[in-house]
Amino acid sequence: MPGVSGTPVAASLDPDRIAPDAADPTVAAVMRDDVVFCLPSTPIDAVAKLLADNALSEIVVLLDRRPVGYVCQEDILDRLVLGDVVATGSDFAVRPPTTDVLARDLLRQPPLLVDENQRAREVVSLMADNNRRLAVVMHEDETPMGMFTPREVADLVLTEEPAYA
């Protein structure tokens, strides 16, 4: 049955054709375009430097460009307290690693992976429900394409128009 425009009503209600809600964009529209990651073989002092340099509390661990887990800053701090990590650490190119503890030794699973087309508010809810501070945004070919962190959540909240009563 055609609608007023001559387009069938079912086609006019196609969710793929409805304009996206500006207040709840896709996560791909608001994500951080880079993916800060480490390898399972990365020394944790270098992982700590990556976390600090990028203002992250979690980092995804990739193997062959696929997420296999994540490392949390709390686990690195625990190892620092135990004396397994020296704070001066490595930076890949200049200083050698000062620890034998590698990212694989602190690997947590599973990483929080979200589809690039998921709504940002849904991802925020997933992060809260799972007590996570990093969502890795995945492309349809199952490769990481970006990150969604508290920084992007704050940017999203700051761009909202205030609700007035």
C-alpha atoms as a PDB file:
ATOM      1  CA  MET A   1       0.000   0.000   0.000  1.00  0.00           C
ATOM      2  CA  PRO A   2       1.636   3.268  -1.084  1.00  0.00           C
ATOM      3  CA  GLY A   3       1.973   6.194   1.303  1.00  0.00           C
ATOM      4  CA  VAL A   4       1.323   9.848   0.456  1.00  0.00           C
ATOM      5  CA  SER A   5       4.628  10.105  -1.400  1.00  0.00           C
ATOM      6  CA  GLY A   6       3.879   7.058  -3.532  1.00  0.00           C
ATOM      7  CA  THR A   7       6.447   5.016  -1.583  1.00  0.00           C
ATOM      8  CA  PRO A   8       5.103   1.919   0.122  1.00  0.00           C
ATOM      9  CA  VAL A   9       4.589   2.536   3.853  1.00  0.00           C
ATOM     10  CA  ALA A  10       6.799  -0.437   4.775  1.00  0.00           C
ATOM     11  CA  ALA A  11       9.677   1.067   2.757  1.00  0.00           C
ATOM     12  CA  SER A  12       9.224   4.482   4.374  1.00  0.00           C
ATOM     13  CA  LEU A  13       9.620   2.865   7.811  1.00  0.00           C
ATOM     14  CA  ASP A  14      12.802   1.003   6.890  1.00  0.00           C
ATOM     15  CA  PRO A  15      15.183   1.556   9.845  1.00  0.00           C
ATOM     16  CA  ASP A  16      18.136   1.795   7.458  1.00  0.00           C
ATOM     17  CA  ARG A  17      16.502   4.803   5.801  1.00  0.00           C
ATOM     18  CA  ILE A  18      15.341   6.654   8.911  1.00  0.00           C
ATOM     19  CA  ALA A  19      17.559   9.609   9.849  1.00  0.00           C
ATOM     20  CA  PRO A  20      19.834   8.803  12.783  1.00  0.00           C
ATOM     21  CA  ASP A  21      19.106  10.388  16.145  1.00  0.00           C
ATOM     22  CA  ALA A  22      21.592  13.260  16.515  1.00  0.00           C
ATOM     23  CA  ALA A  23      21.489  12.867  20.291  1.00  0.00           C
ATOM     24  CA  ASP A  24      22.569   9.232  19.984  1.00  0.00           C
ATOM     25  CA  PRO A  25      25.016   8.895  17.079  1.00  0.00           C
ATOM     26  CA  THR A  26      26.678   5.681  16.037  1.00  0.00           C
ATOM     27  CA  VAL A  27      29.787   4.907  18.026  1.00  0.00           C
ATOM     28  CA  ALA A  28      31.824   5.221  14.800  1.00  0.00           C
ATOM     29  CA  ALA A  29      30.819   8.893  14.578  1.00  0.00           C
ATOM     30  CA  VAL A  30      32.211   9.735  18.026  1.00  0.00           C
ATOM     31  CA  MET A  31      35.020   7.218  18.563  1.00  0.00           C
ATOM     32  CA  ARG A  32      38.730   7.925  18.746  1.00  0.00           C
ATOM     33  CA  ASP A  33      39.962   7.034  15.261  1.00  0.00           C
ATOM     34  CA  ASP A  34      43.213   5.446  16.378  1.00  0.00           C
ATOM     35  CA  VAL A  35      43.585   2.174  18.228  1.00  0.00           C
ATOM     36  CA  VAL A  36      46.253   2.230  20.905  1.00  0.00           C
ATOM     37  CA  PHE A  37      47.324  -1.357  21.430  1.00  0.00           C
ATOM     38  CA  CYS A  38      50.108  -3.622  22.557  1.00  0.00           C
ATOM     39  CA  LEU A  39      51.191  -7.111  21.628  1.00  0.00           C
ATOM     40  CA  PRO A  40      51.203 -10.095  23.997  1.00  0.00           C
ATOM     41  CA  SER A  41      55.017  -9.829  23.985  1.00  0.00           C
ATOM     42  CA  THR A  42      55.109  -6.147  25.030  1.00  0.00           C
ATOM     43  CA  PRO A  43      56.876  -5.638  28.388  1.00  0.00           C
ATOM     44  CA  ILE A  44      54.445  -4.207  30.924  1.00  0.00           C
ATOM     45  CA  ASP A  45      56.637  -1.186  31.652  1.00  0.00           C
ATOM     46  CA  ALA A  46      56.157  -0.231  27.980  1.00  0.00           C
ATOM     47  CA  VAL A  47      52.424  -0.965  28.321  1.00  0.00           C
ATOM     48  CA  ALA A  48      52.325   1.411  31.310  1.00  0.00           C
ATOM     49  CA  LYS A  49      53.958   4.107  29.183  1.00  0.00           C
ATOM     50  CA  LEU A  50      51.381   3.578  26.413  1.00  0.00           C
ATOM     51  CA  LEU A  51      48.580   3.875  28.957  1.00  0.00           C
ATOM     52  CA  ALA A  52      50.031   7.070  30.437  1.00  0.00           C
ATOM     53  CA  ASP A  53      50.864   8.693  27.092  1.00  0.00           C
ATOM     54  CA  ASN A  54      47.331   8.091  25.827  1.00  0.00           C
ATOM     55  CA  ALA A  55      45.391   8.784  29.050  1.00  0.00           C
ATOM     56  CA  LEU A  56      43.996   5.238  29.119  1.00  0.00           C
ATOM     57  CA  SER A  57      43.282   2.867  31.977  1.00  0.00           C
ATOM     58  CA  GLU A  58      42.956  -0.185  29.699  1.00  0.00           C
ATOM     59  CA  ILE A  59      44.713  -1.186  26.513  1.00  0.00           C
ATOM     60  CA  VAL A  60      43.684  -3.775  23.970  1.00  0.00           C
ATOM     61  CA  VAL A  61      46.108  -6.594  23.174  1.00  0.00           C
ATOM     62  CA  LEU A  62      46.243  -7.508  19.488  1.00  0.00           C
ATOM     63  CA  LEU A  63      47.627 -10.606  17.851  1.00  0.00           C
ATOM     64  CA  ASP A  64      47.651 -10.616  14.053  1.00  0.00           C
ATOM     65  CA  ARG A  65      45.475  -7.461  14.137  1.00  0.00           C
ATOM     66  CA  ARG A  66      42.806  -9.283  16.169  1.00  0.00           C
ATOM     67  CA  PRO A  67      41.864  -8.397  19.762  1.00  0.00           C
ATOM     68  CA  VAL A  68      42.772 -11.241  22.112  1.00  0.00           C
ATOM     69  CA  GLY A  69      42.322  -9.468  25.438  1.00  0.00           C
ATOM     70  CA  TYR A  70      43.229  -6.364  27.356  1.00  0.00           C
ATOM     71  CA  VAL A  71      45.563  -5.169  30.093  1.00  0.00           C
ATOM     72  CA  CYS A  72      44.323  -3.009  32.956  1.00  0.00           C
ATOM     73  CA  GLN A  73      46.367  -0.338  34.725  1.00  0.00           C
ATOM     74  CA  GLU A  74      45.442  -1.807  38.127  1.00  0.00           C
ATOM     75  CA  ASP A  75      47.224  -5.047  37.264  1.00  0.00           C
ATOM     76  CA  ILE A  76      50.354  -3.133  36.281  1.00  0.00           C
ATOM     77  CA  LEU A  77      50.198  -1.131  39.519  1.00  0.00           C
ATOM     78  CA  ASP A  78      49.897  -4.377  41.467  1.00  0.00           C
ATOM     79  CA  ARG A  79      53.071  -5.644  39.781  1.00  0.00           C
ATOM     80  CA  LEU A  80      54.806  -2.319  40.482  1.00  0.00           C
ATOM     81  CA  VAL A  81      54.006  -2.679  44.183  1.00  0.00           C
ATOM     82  CA  LEU A  82      55.361  -6.243  44.114  1.00  0.00           C
ATOM     83  CA  GLY A  83      58.598  -4.954  42.579  1.00  0.00           C
ATOM     84  CA  ASP A  84      58.105  -6.742  39.249  1.00  0.00           C
ATOM     85  CA  VAL A  85      58.178  -3.451  37.332  1.00  0.00           C
ATOM     86  CA  VAL A  86      60.591  -0.531  37.470  1.00  0.00           C
ATOM     87  CA  ALA A  87      58.911   2.825  36.895  1.00  0.00           C
ATOM     88  CA  THR A  88      61.605   4.121  34.489  1.00  0.00           C
ATOM     89  CA  GLY A  89      60.834   1.332  32.028  1.00  0.00           C
ATOM     90  CA  SER A  90      61.251   0.950  28.304  1.00  0.00           C
ATOM     91  CA  ASP A  91      59.932   3.023  25.454  1.00  0.00           C
ATOM     92  CA  PHE A  92      60.488   0.472  22.681  1.00  0.00           C
ATOM     93  CA  ALA A  93      63.210   2.331  20.764  1.00  0.00           C
ATOM     94  CA  VAL A  94      65.494   4.033  23.266  1.00  0.00           C
ATOM     95  CA  ARG A  95      65.554   2.082  26.517  1.00  0.00           C
ATOM     96  CA  PRO A  96      65.445  -1.683  26.835  1.00  0.00           C
ATOM     97  CA  PRO A  97      62.723  -3.278  28.963  1.00  0.00           C
ATOM     98  CA  THR A  98      63.459  -3.478  32.661  1.00  0.00           C
ATOM     99  CA  THR A  99      61.066  -6.306  33.388  1.00  0.00           C
ATOM    100  CA  ASP A 100      60.449  -9.849  32.251  1.00  0.00           C
ATOM    101  CA  VAL A 101      56.708  -9.460  32.839  1.00  0.00           C
ATOM    102  CA  LEU A 102      54.875  -9.198  29.520  1.00  0.00           C
ATOM    103  CA  ALA A 103      51.369  -8.144  28.533  1.00  0.00           C
ATOM    104  CA  ARG A 104      50.439 -11.813  28.074  1.00  0.00           C
ATOM    105  CA  ASP A 105      51.156 -12.337  31.793  1.00  0.00           C
ATOM    106  CA  LEU A 106      48.432  -9.815  32.718  1.00  0.00           C
ATOM    107  CA  LEU A 107      46.020 -10.550  29.901  1.00  0.00           C
ATOM    108  CA  ARG A 108      42.343 -10.323  30.786  1.00  0.00           C
ATOM    109  CA  GLN A 109      39.594 -11.609  28.542  1.00  0.00           C
ATOM    110  CA  PRO A 110      37.423 -10.862  26.751  1.00  0.00           C
ATOM    111  CA  PRO A 111      38.040  -7.384  25.390  1.00  0.00           C
ATOM    112  CA  LEU A 112      34.886  -5.295  25.036  1.00  0.00           C
ATOM    113  CA  LEU A 113      34.233  -5.279  21.288  1.00  0.00           C
ATOM    114  CA  VAL A 114      31.425  -3.233  19.773  1.00  0.00           C
ATOM    115  CA  ASP A 115      30.145  -2.876  16.227  1.00  0.00           C
ATOM    116  CA  GLU A 116      30.817   0.421  14.458  1.00  0.00           C
ATOM    117  CA  ASN A 117      27.058   0.851  13.882  1.00  0.00           C
ATOM    118  CA  GLN A 118      26.005   0.481  17.516  1.00  0.00           C
ATOM    119  CA  ARG A 119      24.577   3.584  19.134  1.00  0.00           C
ATOM    120  CA  ALA A 120      26.916   5.481  21.433  1.00  0.00           C
ATOM    121  CA  ARG A 121      24.499   5.358  24.372  1.00  0.00           C
ATOM    122  CA  GLU A 122      24.249   1.584  24.066  1.00  0.00           C
ATOM    123  CA  VAL A 123      28.043   1.354  24.176  1.00  0.00           C
ATOM    124  CA  VAL A 124      28.170   3.623  27.240  1.00  0.00           C
ATOM    125  CA  SER A 125      25.648   1.309  28.895  1.00  0.00           C
ATOM    126  CA  LEU A 126      27.695  -1.783  27.966  1.00  0.00           C
ATOM    127  CA  MET A 127      30.815  -0.175  29.395  1.00  0.00           C
ATOM    128  CA  ALA A 128      29.023   0.652  32.639  1.00  0.00           C
ATOM    129  CA  ASP A 129      27.414  -2.790  32.928  1.00  0.00           C
ATOM    130  CA  ASN A 130      30.796  -4.483  32.422  1.00  0.00           C
ATOM    131  CA  ASN A 131      32.768  -1.991  34.534  1.00  0.00           C
ATOM    132  CA  ARG A 132      35.005  -1.236  31.543  1.00  0.00           C
ATOM    133  CA  ARG A 133      36.810   1.914  30.456  1.00  0.00           C
ATOM    134  CA  LEU A 134      37.563   0.873  26.882  1.00  0.00           C
ATOM    135  CA  ALA A 135      35.401  -0.369  24.055  1.00  0.00           C
ATOM    136  CA  VAL A 136      37.155  -1.395  20.849  1.00  0.00           C
ATOM    137  CA  VAL A 137      35.108  -0.386  17.824  1.00  0.00           C
ATOM    138  CA  MET A 138      35.171  -3.124  15.207  1.00  0.00           C
ATOM    139  CA  HIS A 139      34.652  -2.916  11.462  1.00  0.00           C
ATOM    140  CA  GLU A 140      32.532  -5.524   9.706  1.00  0.00           C
ATOM    141  CA  ASP A 141      35.718  -7.359   8.616  1.00  0.00           C
ATOM    142  CA  GLU A 142      36.444  -7.967  12.318  1.00  0.00           C
ATOM    143  CA  THR A 143      39.365  -5.543  12.522  1.00  0.00           C
ATOM    144  CA  PRO A 144      39.610  -2.752  15.094  1.00  0.00           C
ATOM    145  CA  MET A 145      38.905   0.690  13.663  1.00  0.00           C
ATOM    146  CA  GLY A 146      38.758   2.886  16.751  1.00  0.00           C
ATOM    147  CA  MET A 147      38.297   3.177  20.495  1.00  0.00           C
ATOM    148  CA  PHE A 148      35.587   4.536  22.739  1.00  0.00           C
ATOM    149  CA  THR A 149      36.860   5.664  26.139  1.00  0.00           C
ATOM    150  CA  PRO A 150      35.697   7.972  28.945  1.00  0.00           C
ATOM    151  CA  ARG A 151      37.172  10.874  26.933  1.00  0.00           C
ATOM    152  CA  GLU A 152      34.742  10.203  24.070  1.00  0.00           C
ATOM    153  CA  VAL A 153      31.892   9.731  26.537  1.00  0.00           C
ATOM    154  CA  ALA A 154      32.672  13.168  28.002  1.00  0.00           C
ATOM    155  CA  ASP A 155      32.822  14.712  24.521  1.00  0.00           C
ATOM    156  CA  LEU A 156      29.447  13.159  23.722  1.00  0.00           C
ATOM    157  CA  VAL A 157      27.879  14.523  26.901  1.00  0.00           C
ATOM    158  CA  LEU A 158      29.358  17.991  26.324  1.00  0.00           C
ATOM    159  CA  THR A 159      27.899  18.201  22.814  1.00  0.00           C
ATOM    160  CA  GLU A 160      24.361  17.407  23.992  1.00  0.00           C
ATOM    161  CA  GLU A 161      21.890  20.236  24.099  1.00  0.00           C
ATOM    162  CA  PRO A 162      20.675  20.859  27.636  1.00  0.00           C
ATOM    163  CA  ALA A 163      17.151  19.711  28.421  1.00  0.00           C
ATOM    164  CA  TYR A 164      14.977  22.526  29.680  1.00  0.00           C
ATOM    165  CA  ALA A 165      11.763  21.976  31.619  1.00  0.00           C
END
